[in-house]
Amino acid sequence: MKRLMNEQSPPADPSRGLEIEVPPAVVASASRSQPLLRGLLAAGAGYCVNRNRFQRPPGGGLLLLYCIRGRGWCETDRRLHPICPGDLLVSPLDRPLRCGARGSALWTFYWVQAGGALVPDYTRALAASPGQPVRHPGQELQITRLFGEVLEALRGGSSFNRLLHASSALAHLLALLIAKQTERSPAESDTVRKVAEAIIHMSDHLQERLRVPGLARLAGLSPAYFGELFKAQTGCSPREYLQLLRMHRACQMLRETNWSVKEISDRLGYHDPFHFSRRFKAFEGLSPTQYRQRG
């Protein structure tokens, strides 16, 4: 459910979620005329439940998406990143981004759209980048509460006081997230980096026969410990995640190329196109040909 702040619709059913986008004219006017909002402005917020795909808000600035239940994914710069409970997606809104639920379980998350002159500085402080847009602050009630406070403030209207309240809560939220990022121990940061590098390697070599022992050697870890770390950070095993990567890349190829199903299966390491088609249908609910025809 979505509404603009100048609409007088009744409160949404929390089980279905709520999304509020500040009208662009209000954002532009507030940024020009209100000094207290020039640095940081909450331009939209939402609480989403069971979304197969997430339609990101229009406009510029920064998207913060915090997963509280279920599992999802995001694709940016042609790389796929898992999103698990306690994960935070940090993505500039001027970059291509696709998000969706993973599996059949409910995927529940908050999102906030941030604008203002200080957004690039906040992004740097969060240590997010196009290659690693997902941070791991963990599941914490205070983070959830602050996302909810931004949403509730915007839900009350587009007056200066409401925008200032929402933006102040957003500043508090960002300060807490930055503190979580800087408190991460060197050892913990190193394990996150190793799993991220393994995911990048998998993304770049989908046509090859990738095995857990080989990925573990690249990370300098034992296969058992690597698998344990990988599942803790992504919510699935390396083999399951490789399957997820290949299916998402198959969707991309079916949308953007004229390659045959056999060519796509070969490029993704499936040398039996019938086996590939069965896997794809189990993942998407459509055969590769039906998926392409649907557009």
Protein backbone atom coordinates (compact mmCIF):
# COMPACT_ATOMS: atom_id res chain seq x y z
CA MET A 1 0.00 0.00 0.00
CA LYS A 2 1.33 3.40 -0.93
CA ARG A 3 0.16 6.95 -0.47
CA LEU A 4 1.55 10.46 -0.90
CA MET A 5 1.68 12.64 2.16
CA ASN A 6 -0.91 15.09 0.85
CA GLU A 7 -3.58 12.39 0.59
CA GLN A 8 -6.03 11.88 3.45
CA SER A 9 -6.31 8.09 3.34
CA PRO A 10 -6.93 6.03 6.51
CA PRO A 11 -4.05 4.30 8.30
CA ALA A 12 -2.83 1.14 6.60
CA ASP A 13 -3.25 -2.34 8.00
CA PRO A 14 0.23 -3.02 9.53
CA SER A 15 0.07 -6.62 8.26
CA ARG A 16 0.01 -5.27 4.69
CA GLY A 17 2.56 -2.55 5.21
CA LEU A 18 2.66 1.16 4.47
CA GLU A 19 4.73 3.31 2.12
CA ILE A 20 4.87 7.10 2.14
CA GLU A 21 6.66 9.25 -0.43
CA VAL A 22 7.09 12.97 0.21
CA PRO A 23 6.00 14.79 -2.98
CA PRO A 24 9.08 15.97 -4.95
CA ALA A 25 7.86 19.59 -4.88
CA VAL A 26 7.74 19.47 -1.06
CA VAL A 27 11.25 17.99 -0.91
CA ALA A 28 12.64 20.66 -3.24
CA SER A 29 10.94 23.51 -1.37
CA ALA A 30 12.02 22.26 2.07
CA SER A 31 15.62 21.79 0.91
CA ARG A 32 15.73 25.37 -0.42
CA SER A 33 13.87 27.24 2.30
CA GLN A 34 14.60 25.32 5.52
CA PRO A 35 18.26 25.44 6.63
CA LEU A 36 17.68 22.65 9.16
CA LEU A 37 16.68 20.26 6.37
CA ARG A 38 19.36 21.07 3.81
CA GLY A 39 21.91 18.61 5.16
CA LEU A 40 19.63 15.64 5.70
CA LEU A 41 15.97 15.21 4.75
CA ALA A 42 13.73 12.15 5.12
CA ALA A 43 12.04 12.04 1.69
CA GLY A 44 10.12 8.79 2.09
CA ALA A 45 9.73 5.70 4.27
CA GLY A 46 7.96 2.38 4.28
CA TYR A 47 7.20 -0.89 6.02
CA CYS A 48 6.80 -3.78 3.57
CA VAL A 49 5.57 -7.35 4.05
CA ASN A 50 5.80 -10.28 1.63
CA ARG A 51 6.94 -8.37 -1.45
CA ASN A 52 7.95 -10.54 -4.40
CA ARG A 53 9.64 -7.46 -5.85
CA PHE A 54 10.40 -4.11 -4.20
CA GLN A 55 9.70 -1.01 -6.29
CA ARG A 56 12.19 1.52 -5.03
CA PRO A 57 11.02 5.12 -4.51
CA PRO A 58 11.54 7.68 -7.29
CA GLY A 59 13.95 10.59 -7.04
CA GLY A 60 17.53 10.88 -5.88
CA GLY A 61 19.29 10.48 -2.57
CA LEU A 62 19.99 7.31 -0.63
CA LEU A 63 17.92 4.19 0.04
CA LEU A 64 18.27 2.40 3.39
CA LEU A 65 16.50 -0.96 3.58
CA TYR A 66 16.58 -2.92 6.86
CA CYS A 67 15.44 -6.56 6.90
CA ILE A 68 13.66 -7.66 10.07
CA ARG A 69 12.15 -11.03 8.98
CA GLY A 70 12.47 -13.42 6.06
CA ARG A 71 15.11 -13.25 3.35
CA GLY A 72 15.54 -11.17 0.24
CA TRP A 73 18.06 -10.22 -2.42
CA CYS A 74 19.25 -7.15 -4.26
CA GLU A 75 20.98 -6.88 -7.62
CA THR A 76 23.18 -3.88 -8.38
CA ASP A 77 25.97 -3.49 -10.94
CA ARG A 78 24.99 -6.98 -12.20
CA ARG A 79 25.94 -8.54 -8.87
CA LEU A 80 23.53 -10.35 -6.56
CA HIS A 81 23.63 -9.83 -2.81
CA PRO A 82 21.57 -11.72 -0.20
CA ILE A 83 19.64 -9.79 2.45
CA CYS A 84 19.00 -11.58 5.74
CA PRO A 85 17.40 -10.47 9.03
CA GLY A 86 19.60 -7.78 10.56
CA ASP A 87 21.10 -6.74 7.21
CA LEU A 88 21.02 -3.19 5.89
CA LEU A 89 21.02 -2.32 2.18
CA VAL A 90 22.65 1.06 1.44
CA SER A 91 22.11 2.13 -2.17
CA PRO A 92 22.24 5.50 -3.97
CA LEU A 93 18.97 5.96 -5.81
CA ASP A 94 20.67 7.03 -9.03
CA ARG A 95 22.10 3.52 -9.56
CA PRO A 96 20.27 0.54 -11.10
CA LEU A 97 18.80 -1.63 -8.37
CA ARG A 98 16.45 -4.64 -8.25
CA CYS A 99 15.21 -6.23 -5.02
CA GLY A 100 12.93 -9.11 -4.18
CA ALA A 101 11.93 -11.78 -1.70
CA ARG A 102 13.85 -15.05 -1.53
CA GLY A 103 11.84 -18.21 -1.16
CA SER A 104 8.22 -18.53 -0.10
CA ALA A 105 8.53 -17.13 3.46
CA LEU A 106 7.34 -13.62 4.31
CA TRP A 107 9.98 -10.95 3.70
CA THR A 108 9.51 -8.00 6.04
CA PHE A 109 11.60 -4.82 6.00
CA TYR A 110 11.64 -1.10 6.62
CA TRP A 111 13.00 1.39 4.12
CA VAL A 112 13.87 5.08 4.28
CA GLN A 113 14.79 7.48 1.48
CA ALA A 114 17.34 10.11 2.54
CA GLY A 115 18.18 13.30 0.68
CA GLY A 116 20.32 16.34 1.41
CA ALA A 117 23.83 17.66 1.00
CA LEU A 118 25.30 15.35 3.66
CA VAL A 119 24.10 12.09 2.09
CA PRO A 120 27.48 11.31 0.38
CA ASP A 121 29.26 11.77 3.73
CA TYR A 122 26.84 9.45 5.50
CA THR A 123 27.29 6.87 2.74
CA ARG A 124 31.07 6.94 3.16
CA ALA A 125 30.76 6.64 6.93
CA LEU A 126 28.61 3.53 6.50
CA ALA A 127 31.43 2.01 4.38
CA ALA A 128 28.94 1.02 1.68
CA SER A 129 29.88 0.75 -1.99
CA PRO A 130 28.29 -0.54 -5.23
CA GLY A 131 30.34 -3.73 -4.83
CA GLN A 132 29.30 -4.20 -1.18
CA PRO A 133 25.96 -2.43 -0.64
CA VAL A 134 24.83 -4.69 2.23
CA ARG A 135 26.00 -3.90 5.76
CA HIS A 136 25.46 -6.13 8.80
CA PRO A 137 24.41 -4.10 11.88
CA GLY A 138 22.46 -7.06 13.26
CA GLN A 139 18.95 -7.40 14.63
CA GLU A 140 18.42 -4.64 17.18
CA LEU A 141 15.21 -3.18 18.55
CA GLN A 142 16.61 0.37 18.58
CA ILE A 143 17.30 0.26 14.82
CA THR A 144 13.79 -1.04 14.13
CA ARG A 145 12.28 1.61 16.41
CA LEU A 146 14.06 4.45 14.62
CA PHE A 147 12.96 3.24 11.18
CA GLY A 148 9.42 3.13 12.58
CA GLU A 149 9.77 6.63 14.05
CA VAL A 150 10.76 8.07 10.65
CA LEU A 151 7.74 6.40 9.06
CA GLU A 152 5.32 7.56 11.77
CA ALA A 153 6.57 11.17 11.56
CA LEU A 154 6.09 11.27 7.79
CA ARG A 155 2.71 9.64 8.15
CA GLY A 156 1.55 12.70 10.08
CA GLY A 157 1.87 15.12 7.15
CA SER A 158 4.33 17.33 5.29
CA SER A 159 4.58 20.29 7.65
CA PHE A 160 8.01 21.61 8.59
CA ASN A 161 7.70 20.16 12.10
CA ARG A 162 6.87 16.69 10.75
CA LEU A 163 9.73 16.76 8.25
CA LEU A 164 12.12 17.97 10.95
CA HIS A 165 10.96 15.20 13.31
CA ALA A 166 11.42 12.53 10.61
CA SER A 167 14.79 13.90 9.55
CA SER A 168 16.04 14.13 13.15
CA ALA A 169 15.03 10.49 13.71
CA LEU A 170 16.84 9.62 10.47
CA ALA A 171 19.99 11.39 11.71
CA HIS A 172 19.78 9.39 14.97
CA LEU A 173 19.31 6.19 12.95
CA LEU A 174 22.32 6.93 10.76
CA ALA A 175 24.46 7.75 13.80
CA LEU A 176 23.54 4.40 15.36
CA LEU A 177 24.27 2.51 12.12
CA ILE A 178 27.64 4.26 11.74
CA ALA A 179 28.51 3.37 15.35
CA LYS A 180 27.64 -0.27 14.65
CA GLN A 181 29.88 -0.20 11.58
CA THR A 182 32.87 1.32 13.40
CA GLU A 183 32.47 -1.03 16.39
CA ARG A 184 32.95 -4.10 14.19
CA SER A 185 36.10 -5.98 15.23
CA PRO A 186 38.94 -6.43 12.68
CA ALA A 187 38.45 -10.22 12.76
CA GLU A 188 34.72 -9.91 12.09
CA SER A 189 35.33 -7.44 9.25
CA ASP A 190 37.86 -9.84 7.74
CA THR A 191 35.40 -12.73 7.65
CA VAL A 192 32.75 -10.50 6.04
CA ARG A 193 35.32 -9.47 3.42
CA LYS A 194 36.29 -13.08 2.68
CA VAL A 195 32.69 -14.15 2.10
CA ALA A 196 32.09 -11.06 -0.06
CA GLU A 197 35.16 -11.89 -2.17
CA ALA A 198 33.94 -15.49 -2.57
CA ILE A 199 30.56 -14.19 -3.80
CA ILE A 200 32.28 -11.92 -6.32
CA HIS A 201 34.39 -14.85 -7.53
CA MET A 202 31.28 -16.99 -7.90
CA SER A 203 29.51 -14.21 -9.84
CA ASP A 204 32.44 -13.90 -12.24
CA HIS A 205 32.84 -17.66 -12.87
CA LEU A 206 29.29 -19.01 -13.15
CA GLN A 207 30.20 -21.14 -16.18
CA GLU A 208 32.81 -23.10 -14.20
CA ARG A 209 32.47 -26.14 -11.93
CA LEU A 210 32.72 -24.34 -8.60
CA ARG A 211 33.16 -26.43 -5.47
CA VAL A 212 33.23 -25.46 -1.79
CA PRO A 213 36.83 -26.71 -1.20
CA GLY A 214 38.10 -24.49 -4.03
CA LEU A 215 36.20 -21.45 -2.75
CA ALA A 216 37.48 -22.14 0.77
CA ARG A 217 41.07 -22.26 -0.50
CA LEU A 218 40.62 -18.84 -2.13
CA ALA A 219 39.42 -17.48 1.22
CA GLY A 220 42.25 -19.17 3.12
CA LEU A 221 39.82 -21.16 5.27
CA SER A 222 38.92 -24.79 5.84
CA PRO A 223 35.85 -25.96 3.85
CA ALA A 224 33.84 -26.58 7.03
CA TYR A 225 34.60 -23.16 8.54
CA PHE A 226 34.05 -21.40 5.21
CA GLY A 227 30.65 -23.07 4.82
CA GLU A 228 29.72 -22.09 8.37
CA LEU A 229 30.70 -18.44 7.83
CA PHE A 230 29.00 -18.32 4.44
CA LYS A 231 25.69 -19.61 5.81
CA ALA A 232 25.84 -17.26 8.81
CA GLN A 233 26.21 -14.24 6.53
CA THR A 234 23.94 -15.20 3.63
CA GLY A 235 21.41 -17.56 5.15
CA CYS A 236 22.19 -20.36 2.70
CA SER A 237 25.01 -22.72 1.80
CA PRO A 238 27.55 -21.84 -0.93
CA ARG A 239 25.91 -24.41 -3.23
CA GLU A 240 22.42 -22.93 -2.68
CA TYR A 241 23.76 -19.44 -3.24
CA LEU A 242 25.51 -20.46 -6.45
CA GLN A 243 22.17 -21.80 -7.70
CA LEU A 244 20.55 -18.48 -6.78
CA LEU A 245 23.24 -16.55 -8.68
CA ARG A 246 22.84 -18.70 -11.79
CA MET A 247 19.06 -18.38 -11.86
CA HIS A 248 19.19 -14.61 -11.50
CA ARG A 249 21.80 -14.36 -14.24
CA ALA A 250 19.59 -16.59 -16.42
CA CYS A 251 16.68 -14.17 -15.92
CA GLN A 252 18.95 -11.31 -16.93
CA MET A 253 20.14 -13.10 -20.07
CA LEU A 254 16.58 -14.05 -21.08
CA ARG A 255 15.50 -10.41 -20.72
CA GLU A 256 18.48 -8.74 -22.35
CA THR A 257 19.80 -11.12 -25.05
CA ASN A 258 18.55 -13.25 -27.93
CA TRP A 259 20.67 -16.23 -26.93
CA SER A 260 19.02 -19.62 -27.13
CA VAL A 261 18.21 -21.59 -24.00
CA LYS A 262 21.11 -23.92 -24.81
CA GLU A 263 23.56 -21.00 -25.12
CA ILE A 264 22.40 -19.60 -21.78
CA SER A 265 22.62 -22.96 -20.06
CA ASP A 266 26.19 -23.43 -21.39
CA ARG A 267 27.22 -19.96 -20.17
CA LEU A 268 25.93 -20.80 -16.70
CA GLY A 269 27.63 -24.16 -16.36
CA TYR A 270 24.59 -26.31 -17.17
CA HIS A 271 25.67 -28.49 -20.07
CA ASP A 272 22.29 -30.21 -20.20
CA PRO A 273 19.70 -27.59 -21.31
CA PHE A 274 16.83 -29.81 -20.11
CA HIS A 275 18.32 -29.94 -16.62
CA PHE A 276 18.76 -26.15 -16.73
CA SER A 277 15.12 -25.68 -17.83
CA ARG A 278 13.85 -27.85 -14.98
CA ARG A 279 15.90 -25.88 -12.46
CA PHE A 280 14.72 -22.57 -13.91
CA LYS A 281 11.04 -23.57 -13.80
CA ALA A 282 11.38 -24.71 -10.20
CA PHE A 283 12.90 -21.31 -9.36
CA GLU A 284 10.65 -18.94 -11.37
CA GLY A 285 7.49 -21.00 -11.88
CA LEU A 286 7.87 -20.57 -15.66
CA SER A 287 10.00 -22.28 -18.29
CA PRO A 288 12.81 -20.14 -19.81
CA THR A 289 10.73 -19.73 -22.98
CA GLN A 290 7.64 -18.65 -21.06
CA TYR A 291 9.71 -16.22 -18.98
CA ARG A 292 11.13 -14.59 -22.15
CA GLN A 293 7.70 -14.37 -23.78
CA ARG A 294 6.27 -12.69 -20.70
CA GLY A 295 8.83 -9.92 -21.19
